[in-house]
């Protein structure tokens, strides 16, 4: 009787385990690249394969802003009397 109870419990466990679904891992979306607007779609307006800007959900085009170059270095104080 004891063997039958253990066998019945084991088969019940196997039957229930077969019905379970594995947990799916949900990964977070990567952050948008610099110059992008969150929740937007990349746009290549001139067809050269480089992203030129982004279209937001309302259809507005946002061009990538090119950062200004750094200022030139200050002049040195060398001269006649160095």
PDB file of N, CA and C in Angstrom:
ATOM      1  N   UNK A   1       0.815  -1.186   0.000  1.00  0.00           N
ATOM      2  CA  UNK A   1       0.000   0.000   0.000  1.00  0.00           C
ATOM      3  C   UNK A   1       0.864   1.258   0.000  1.00  0.00           C
ATOM      4  N   UNK A   2       1.929   1.243   0.780  1.00  0.00           N
ATOM      5  CA  UNK A   2       2.776   2.412   0.867  1.00  0.00           C
ATOM      6  C   UNK A   2       3.462   2.683  -0.479  1.00  0.00           C
ATOM      7  N   UNK A   3       3.910   1.637  -1.158  1.00  0.00           N
ATOM      8  CA  UNK A   3       4.562   1.787  -2.457  1.00  0.00           C
ATOM      9  C   UNK A   3       3.593   2.384  -3.468  1.00  0.00           C
ATOM     10  N   UNK A   4       2.352   1.947  -3.434  1.00  0.00           N
ATOM     11  CA  UNK A   4       1.341   2.447  -4.360  1.00  0.00           C
ATOM     12  C   UNK A   4       1.074   3.942  -4.112  1.00  0.00           C
ATOM     13  N   UNK A   5       1.050   4.380  -2.865  1.00  0.00           N
ATOM     14  CA  UNK A   5       0.830   5.794  -2.534  1.00  0.00           C
ATOM     15  C   UNK A   5       1.977   6.659  -3.042  1.00  0.00           C
ATOM     16  N   UNK A   6       3.202   6.170  -2.860  1.00  0.00           N
ATOM     17  CA  UNK A   6       4.363   6.922  -3.322  1.00  0.00           C
ATOM     18  C   UNK A   6       4.367   6.990  -4.847  1.00  0.00           C
ATOM     19  N   UNK A   7       4.045   5.894  -5.503  1.00  0.00           N
ATOM     20  CA  UNK A   7       3.997   5.856  -6.956  1.00  0.00           C
ATOM     21  C   UNK A   7       2.914   6.793  -7.491  1.00  0.00           C
ATOM     22  N   UNK A   8       1.757   6.812  -6.849  1.00  0.00           N
ATOM     23  CA  UNK A   8       0.664   7.680  -7.257  1.00  0.00           C
ATOM     24  C   UNK A   8       1.036   9.153  -7.075  1.00  0.00           C
ATOM     25  N   UNK A   9       1.704   9.493  -5.988  1.00  0.00           N
ATOM     26  CA  UNK A   9       2.142  10.875  -5.742  1.00  0.00           C
ATOM     27  C   UNK A   9       3.192  11.292  -6.780  1.00  0.00           C
ATOM     28  N   UNK A  10       4.110  10.383  -7.094  1.00  0.00           N
ATOM     29  CA  UNK A  10       5.148  10.681  -8.084  1.00  0.00           C
ATOM     30  C   UNK A  10       4.563  10.889  -9.476  1.00  0.00           C
ATOM     31  N   UNK A  11       3.611  10.054  -9.874  1.00  0.00           N
ATOM     32  CA  UNK A  11       2.981  10.209 -11.188  1.00  0.00           C
ATOM     33  C   UNK A  11       2.152  11.487 -11.256  1.00  0.00           C
ATOM     34  N   UNK A  12       1.503  11.835 -10.157  1.00  0.00           N
ATOM     35  CA  UNK A  12       0.740  13.086 -10.117  1.00  0.00           C
ATOM     36  C   UNK A  12       1.653  14.295 -10.272  1.00  0.00           C
ATOM     37  N   UNK A  13       2.799  14.238  -9.619  1.00  0.00           N
ATOM     38  CA  UNK A  13       3.765  15.331  -9.731  1.00  0.00           C
ATOM     39  C   UNK A  13       4.288  15.444 -11.156  1.00  0.00           C
ATOM     40  N   UNK A  14       4.601  14.333 -11.782  1.00  0.00           N
ATOM     41  CA  UNK A  14       5.079  14.360 -13.171  1.00  0.00           C
ATOM     42  C   UNK A  14       4.010  14.890 -14.120  1.00  0.00           C
ATOM     43  N   UNK A  15       2.775  14.493 -13.896  1.00  0.00           N
ATOM     44  CA  UNK A  15       1.685  14.954 -14.765  1.00  0.00           C
ATOM     45  C   UNK A  15       1.498  16.467 -14.652  1.00  0.00           C
ATOM     46  N   UNK A  16       1.569  16.994 -13.423  1.00  0.00           N
ATOM     47  CA  UNK A  16       1.417  18.438 -13.243  1.00  0.00           C
ATOM     48  C   UNK A  16       2.628  19.211 -13.760  1.00  0.00           C
ATOM     49  N   UNK A  17       3.816  18.625 -13.656  1.00  0.00           N
ATOM     50  CA  UNK A  17       5.028  19.288 -14.139  1.00  0.00           C
ATOM     51  C   UNK A  17       5.020  19.393 -15.662  1.00  0.00           C
ATOM     52  N   UNK A  18       4.406  18.439 -16.332  1.00  0.00           N
ATOM     53  CA  UNK A  18       4.357  18.471 -17.792  1.00  0.00           C
ATOM     54  C   UNK A  18       3.462  19.601 -18.297  1.00  0.00           C
ATOM     55  N   UNK A  19       2.504  20.030 -17.499  1.00  0.00           N
ATOM     56  CA  UNK A  19       1.581  21.093 -17.902  1.00  0.00           C
ATOM     57  C   UNK A  19       2.126  22.495 -17.632  1.00  0.00           C
ATOM     58  N   UNK A  20       3.161  22.600 -16.820  1.00  0.00           N
ATOM     59  CA  UNK A  20       3.669  23.930 -16.462  1.00  0.00           C
ATOM     60  C   UNK A  20       4.442  24.529 -17.634  1.00  0.00           C
ATOM     61  N   UNK A  21       4.426  25.851 -17.706  1.00  0.00           N
ATOM     62  CA  UNK A  21       5.138  26.571 -18.762  1.00  0.00           C
ATOM     63  C   UNK A  21       6.383  27.209 -18.171  1.00  0.00           C
ATOM     64  N   UNK A  22       7.487  27.189 -18.900  1.00  0.00           N
ATOM     65  CA  UNK A  22       8.688  27.835 -18.370  1.00  0.00           C
ATOM     66  C   UNK A  22       8.502  29.356 -18.340  1.00  0.00           C
ATOM     67  N   UNK A  23       9.122  29.997 -17.368  1.00  0.00           N
ATOM     68  CA  UNK A  23       9.016  31.446 -17.261  1.00  0.00           C
ATOM     69  C   UNK A  23       9.791  32.101 -18.395  1.00  0.00           C
ATOM     70  N   UNK A  24       9.188  33.095 -18.993  1.00  0.00           N
ATOM     71  CA  UNK A  24       9.860  33.830 -20.056  1.00  0.00           C
ATOM     72  C   UNK A  24      10.480  35.073 -19.457  1.00  0.00           C
ATOM     73  N   UNK A  25      11.732  35.300 -19.795  1.00  0.00           N
ATOM     74  CA  UNK A  25      12.415  36.477 -19.287  1.00  0.00           C
ATOM     75  C   UNK A  25      12.178  37.627 -20.246  1.00  0.00           C
ATOM     76  N   UNK A  26      11.781  38.743 -19.692  1.00  0.00           N
ATOM     77  CA  UNK A  26      11.539  39.930 -20.491  1.00  0.00           C
ATOM     78  C   UNK A  26      12.720  40.869 -20.297  1.00  0.00           C
ATOM     79  N   UNK A  27      13.364  41.207 -21.405  1.00  0.00           N
ATOM     80  CA  UNK A  27      14.509  42.097 -21.325  1.00  0.00           C
ATOM     81  C   UNK A  27      14.040  43.533 -21.540  1.00  0.00           C
ATOM     82  N   UNK A  28      14.689  44.432 -20.878  1.00  0.00           N
ATOM     83  CA  UNK A  28      14.366  45.843 -21.035  1.00  0.00           C
ATOM     84  C   UNK A  28      14.873  46.325 -22.388  1.00  0.00           C
ATOM     85  N   UNK A  29      14.154  47.257 -22.970  1.00  0.00           N
ATOM     86  CA  UNK A  29      14.580  47.819 -24.241  1.00  0.00           C
ATOM     87  C   UNK A  29      15.843  48.644 -24.031  1.00  0.00           C
ATOM     88  N   UNK A  30      16.767  48.604 -24.992  1.00  0.00           N
ATOM     89  CA  UNK A  30      17.981  49.400 -24.834  1.00  0.00           C
ATOM     90  C   UNK A  30      17.657  50.887 -24.895  1.00  0.00           C
ATOM     91  N   UNK A  31      18.443  51.717 -24.244  1.00  0.00           N
ATOM     92  CA  UNK A  31      18.169  53.152 -24.284  1.00  0.00           C
ATOM     93  C   UNK A  31      18.415  53.700 -25.685  1.00  0.00           C
ATOM     94  N   UNK A  32      17.744  54.777 -26.063  1.00  0.00           N
ATOM     95  CA  UNK A  32      17.973  55.343 -27.385  1.00  0.00           C
ATOM     96  C   UNK A  32      19.378  55.919 -27.494  1.00  0.00           C
ATOM     97  N   UNK A  33      19.967  55.916 -28.684  1.00  0.00           N
ATOM     98  CA  UNK A  33      21.315  56.463 -28.846  1.00  0.00           C
ATOM     99  C   UNK A  33      21.314  57.976 -28.653  1.00  0.00           C
ATOM    100  N   UNK A  34      22.485  58.579 -28.497  1.00  0.00           N
ATOM    101  CA  UNK A  34      22.546  60.027 -28.311  1.00  0.00           C
ATOM    102  C   UNK A  34      21.909  60.765 -29.491  1.00  0.00           C
ATOM    103  N   UNK A  35      21.129  61.756 -29.195  1.00  0.00           N
ATOM    104  CA  UNK A  35      20.456  62.532 -30.230  1.00  0.00           C
ATOM    105  C   UNK A  35      19.080  62.002 -30.571  1.00  0.00           C
ATOM    106  N   UNK A  36      18.725  60.842 -30.085  1.00  0.00           N
ATOM    107  CA  UNK A  36      17.428  60.250 -30.399  1.00  0.00           C
ATOM    108  C   UNK A  36      16.375  60.728 -29.410  1.00  0.00           C
ATOM    109  N   UNK A  37      15.141  60.636 -29.834  1.00  0.00           N
ATOM    110  CA  UNK A  37      14.010  60.961 -28.980  1.00  0.00           C
ATOM    111  C   UNK A  37      13.410  59.636 -28.524  1.00  0.00           C
ATOM    112  N   UNK A  38      13.175  59.486 -27.220  1.00  0.00           N
ATOM    113  CA  UNK A  38      12.659  58.222 -26.699  1.00  0.00           C
ATOM    114  C   UNK A  38      11.313  57.888 -27.337  1.00  0.00           C
ATOM    115  N   UNK A  39      11.105  56.635 -27.729  1.00  0.00           N
ATOM    116  CA  UNK A  39       9.861  56.188 -28.351  1.00  0.00           C
ATOM    117  C   UNK A  39       9.761  56.571 -29.814  1.00  0.00           C
ATOM    118  N   UNK A  40      10.882  56.734 -30.499  1.00  0.00           N
ATOM    119  CA  UNK A  40      10.871  57.184 -31.887  1.00  0.00           C
ATOM    120  C   UNK A  40      11.418  56.103 -32.812  1.00  0.00           C
ATOM    121  N   UNK A  41      11.340  56.381 -34.125  1.00  0.00           N
ATOM    122  CA  UNK A  41      11.807  55.459 -35.151  1.00  0.00           C
ATOM    123  C   UNK A  41      12.921  56.138 -35.927  1.00  0.00           C
ATOM    124  N   UNK A  42      14.016  55.414 -36.172  1.00  0.00           N
ATOM    125  CA  UNK A  42      15.157  55.976 -36.883  1.00  0.00           C
ATOM    126  C   UNK A  42      14.792  56.294 -38.327  1.00  0.00           C
ATOM    127  N   UNK A  43      15.398  57.360 -38.880  1.00  0.00           N
ATOM    128  CA  UNK A  43      15.120  57.781 -40.250  1.00  0.00           C
ATOM    129  C   UNK A  43      16.427  57.986 -41.010  1.00  0.00           C
ATOM    130  N   UNK A  44      16.443  57.520 -42.247  1.00  0.00           N
ATOM    131  CA  UNK A  44      17.576  57.733 -43.150  1.00  0.00           C
ATOM    132  C   UNK A  44      17.017  58.453 -44.372  1.00  0.00           C
ATOM    133  N   UNK A  45      16.993  59.758 -44.337  1.00  0.00           N
ATOM    134  CA  UNK A  45      16.336  60.534 -45.385  1.00  0.00           C
ATOM    135  C   UNK A  45      17.075  60.522 -46.716  1.00  0.00           C
ATOM    136  N   UNK A  46      18.408  60.523 -46.698  1.00  0.00           N
ATOM    137  CA  UNK A  46      19.137  60.584 -47.960  1.00  0.00           C
ATOM    138  C   UNK A  46      19.562  59.216 -48.484  1.00  0.00           C
ATOM    139  N   UNK A  47      19.260  58.137 -47.773  1.00  0.00           N
ATOM    140  CA  UNK A  47      19.497  56.781 -48.270  1.00  0.00           C
ATOM    141  C   UNK A  47      20.948  56.351 -48.277  1.00  0.00           C
ATOM    142  N   UNK A  48      21.806  56.965 -47.468  1.00  0.00           N
ATOM    143  CA  UNK A  48      23.212  56.586 -47.458  1.00  0.00           C
ATOM    144  C   UNK A  48      23.536  55.512 -46.421  1.00  0.00           C
ATOM    145  N   UNK A  49      22.540  55.045 -45.680  1.00  0.00           N
ATOM    146  CA  UNK A  49      22.739  53.995 -44.698  1.00  0.00           C
ATOM    147  C   UNK A  49      23.106  54.508 -43.322  1.00  0.00           C
ATOM    148  N   UNK A  50      23.195  55.807 -43.157  1.00  0.00           N
ATOM    149  CA  UNK A  50      23.512  56.409 -41.864  1.00  0.00           C
ATOM    150  C   UNK A  50      22.254  57.091 -41.340  1.00  0.00           C
ATOM    151  N   UNK A  51      21.939  56.889 -40.070  1.00  0.00           N
ATOM    152  CA  UNK A  51      20.736  57.474 -39.488  1.00  0.00           C
ATOM    153  C   UNK A  51      20.903  58.984 -39.406  1.00  0.00           C
ATOM    154  N   UNK A  52      19.975  59.694 -40.034  1.00  0.00           N
ATOM    155  CA  UNK A  52      20.034  61.152 -40.071  1.00  0.00           C
ATOM    156  C   UNK A  52      19.224  61.789 -38.953  1.00  0.00           C
ATOM    157  N   UNK A  53      18.222  61.103 -38.456  1.00  0.00           N
ATOM    158  CA  UNK A  53      17.360  61.652 -37.417  1.00  0.00           C
ATOM    159  C   UNK A  53      16.341  60.618 -37.008  1.00  0.00           C
ATOM    160  N   UNK A  54      15.267  61.091 -36.385  1.00  0.00           N
ATOM    161  CA  UNK A  54      14.238  60.201 -35.877  1.00  0.00           C
ATOM    162  C   UNK A  54      12.864  60.803 -36.097  1.00  0.00           C
ATOM    163  N   UNK A  55      11.876  59.914 -36.332  1.00  0.00           N
ATOM    164  CA  UNK A  55      10.473  60.314 -36.393  1.00  0.00           C
ATOM    165  C   UNK A  55       9.837  59.942 -35.064  1.00  0.00           C
ATOM    166  N   UNK A  56       9.211  60.902 -34.406  1.00  0.00           N
ATOM    167  CA  UNK A  56       8.531  60.623 -33.146  1.00  0.00           C
ATOM    168  C   UNK A  56       7.173  59.996 -33.445  1.00  0.00           C
ATOM    169  N   UNK A  57       6.460  59.592 -32.390  1.00  0.00           N
ATOM    170  CA  UNK A  57       5.184  58.906 -32.551  1.00  0.00           C
ATOM    171  C   UNK A  57       4.144  59.785 -33.241  1.00  0.00           C
ATOM    172  N   UNK A  58       4.256  61.109 -33.128  1.00  0.00           N
ATOM    173  CA  UNK A  58       3.296  61.998 -33.781  1.00  0.00           C
ATOM    174  C   UNK A  58       3.707  62.377 -35.195  1.00  0.00           C
ATOM    175  N   UNK A  59       4.775  61.789 -35.744  1.00  0.00           N
ATOM    176  CA  UNK A  59       5.172  62.001 -37.130  1.00  0.00           C
ATOM    177  C   UNK A  59       6.105  63.171 -37.356  1.00  0.00           C
ATOM    178  N   UNK A  60       6.632  63.770 -36.318  1.00  0.00           N
ATOM    179  CA  UNK A  60       7.538  64.904 -36.466  1.00  0.00           C
ATOM    180  C   UNK A  60       8.960  64.382 -36.612  1.00  0.00           C
ATOM    181  N   UNK A  61       9.700  64.945 -37.577  1.00  0.00           N
ATOM    182  CA  UNK A  61      11.088  64.552 -37.820  1.00  0.00           C
ATOM    183  C   UNK A  61      12.006  65.362 -36.909  1.00  0.00           C
ATOM    184  N   UNK A  62      12.902  64.665 -36.202  1.00  0.00           N
ATOM    185  CA  UNK A  62      13.877  65.294 -35.325  1.00  0.00           C
ATOM    186  C   UNK A  62      15.270  64.967 -35.868  1.00  0.00           C
ATOM    187  N   UNK A  63      15.969  65.932 -36.462  1.00  0.00           N
ATOM    188  CA  UNK A  63      17.308  65.636 -36.979  1.00  0.00           C
ATOM    189  C   UNK A  63      18.302  65.432 -35.848  1.00  0.00           C
ATOM    190  N   UNK A  64      19.341  64.658 -36.140  1.00  0.00           N
ATOM    191  CA  UNK A  64      20.411  64.490 -35.154  1.00  0.00           C
ATOM    192  C   UNK A  64      21.168  65.802 -35.055  1.00  0.00           C
ATOM    193  N   UNK A  65      21.359  66.267 -33.846  1.00  0.00           N
ATOM    194  CA  UNK A  65      22.103  67.504 -33.628  1.00  0.00           C
ATOM    195  C   UNK A  65      23.589  67.167 -33.571  1.00  0.00           C
ATOM    196  N   UNK A  66      24.356  67.816 -34.425  1.00  0.00           N
ATOM    197  CA  UNK A  66      25.800  67.606 -34.431  1.00  0.00           C
ATOM    198  C   UNK A  66      26.395  68.550 -33.387  1.00  0.00           C
ATOM    199  N   UNK A  67      27.122  68.024 -32.410  1.00  0.00           N
ATOM    200  CA  UNK A  67      27.680  68.903 -31.382  1.00  0.00           C
ATOM    201  C   UNK A  67      28.730  69.841 -31.971  1.00  0.00           C
ATOM    202  N   UNK A  68      28.814  71.024 -31.419  1.00  0.00           N
ATOM    203  CA  UNK A  68      29.796  72.003 -31.878  1.00  0.00           C
ATOM    204  C   UNK A  68      31.198  71.523 -31.502  1.00  0.00           C
ATOM    205  N   UNK A  69      32.188  71.839 -32.346  1.00  0.00           N
ATOM    206  CA  UNK A  69      33.549  71.415 -32.004  1.00  0.00           C
ATOM    207  C   UNK A  69      34.035  72.166 -30.766  1.00  0.00           C
ATOM    208  N   UNK A  70      34.986  71.593 -30.058  1.00  0.00           N
ATOM    209  CA  UNK A  70      35.491  72.274 -28.864  1.00  0.00           C
ATOM    210  C   UNK A  70      36.226  73.549 -29.258  1.00  0.00           C
ATOM    211  N   UNK A  71      36.291  74.518 -28.357  1.00  0.00           N
ATOM    212  CA  UNK A  71      36.985  75.763 -28.685  1.00  0.00           C
ATOM    213  C   UNK A  71      38.482  75.514 -28.839  1.00  0.00           C
ATOM    214  N   UNK A  72      39.153  76.348 -29.617  1.00  0.00           N
ATOM    215  CA  UNK A  72      40.601  76.156 -29.778  1.00  0.00           C
ATOM    216  C   UNK A  72      41.324  76.459 -28.467  1.00  0.00           C
ATOM    217  N   UNK A  73      42.530  75.926 -28.325  1.00  0.00           N
ATOM    218  CA  UNK A  73      43.264  76.186 -27.090  1.00  0.00           C
ATOM    219  C   UNK A  73      43.670  77.658 -26.996  1.00  0.00           C
ATOM    220  N   UNK A  74      43.863  78.107 -25.773  1.00  0.00           N
ATOM    221  CA  UNK A  74      44.273  79.495 -25.563  1.00  0.00           C
ATOM    222  C   UNK A  74      45.693  79.697 -26.114  1.00  0.00           C
ATOM    223  N   UNK A  75      45.987  80.902 -26.611  1.00  0.00           N
ATOM    224  CA  UNK A  75      47.332  81.141 -27.137  1.00  0.00           C
ATOM    225  C   UNK A  75      48.374  81.102 -26.005  1.00  0.00           C
ATOM    226  N   UNK A  76      49.550  80.675 -26.388  1.00  0.00           N
ATOM    227  CA  UNK A  76      50.625  80.598 -25.395  1.00  0.00           C
ATOM    228  C   UNK A  76      51.211  81.988 -25.181  1.00  0.00           C
ATOM    229  N   UNK A  77      51.895  82.172 -24.079  1.00  0.00           N
ATOM    230  CA  UNK A  77      52.450  83.458 -23.737  1.00  0.00           C
ATOM    231  C   UNK A  77      53.911  83.589 -24.146  1.00  0.00           C
ATOM    232  N   UNK A  78      54.340  82.817 -25.107  1.00  0.00           N
ATOM    233  CA  UNK A  78      55.726  82.954 -25.568  1.00  0.00           C
ATOM    234  C   UNK A  78      55.799  84.092 -26.572  1.00  0.00           C
ATOM    235  N   UNK A  79      56.869  84.799 -26.565  1.00  0.00           N
ATOM    236  CA  UNK A  79      57.041  85.930 -27.466  1.00  0.00           C
ATOM    237  C   UNK A  79      58.506  86.357 -27.450  1.00  0.00           C
ATOM    238  N   UNK A  80      58.741  87.677 -27.616  1.00  0.00           N
ATOM    239  CA  UNK A  80      60.109  88.172 -27.649  1.00  0.00           C
ATOM    240  C   UNK A  80      60.862  87.897 -26.349  1.00  0.00           C
ATOM    241  N   UNK A  81      60.147  88.045 -25.223  1.00  0.00           N
ATOM    242  CA  UNK A  81      60.836  87.922 -23.948  1.00  0.00           C
ATOM    243  C   UNK A  81      60.564  86.552 -23.319  1.00  0.00           C
ATOM    244  N   UNK A  82      59.855  85.655 -24.030  1.00  0.00           N
ATOM    245  CA  UNK A  82      59.573  84.290 -23.717  1.00  0.00           C
ATOM    246  C   UNK A  82      59.512  83.890 -22.346  1.00  0.00           C
TER     247      UNK A  82
END
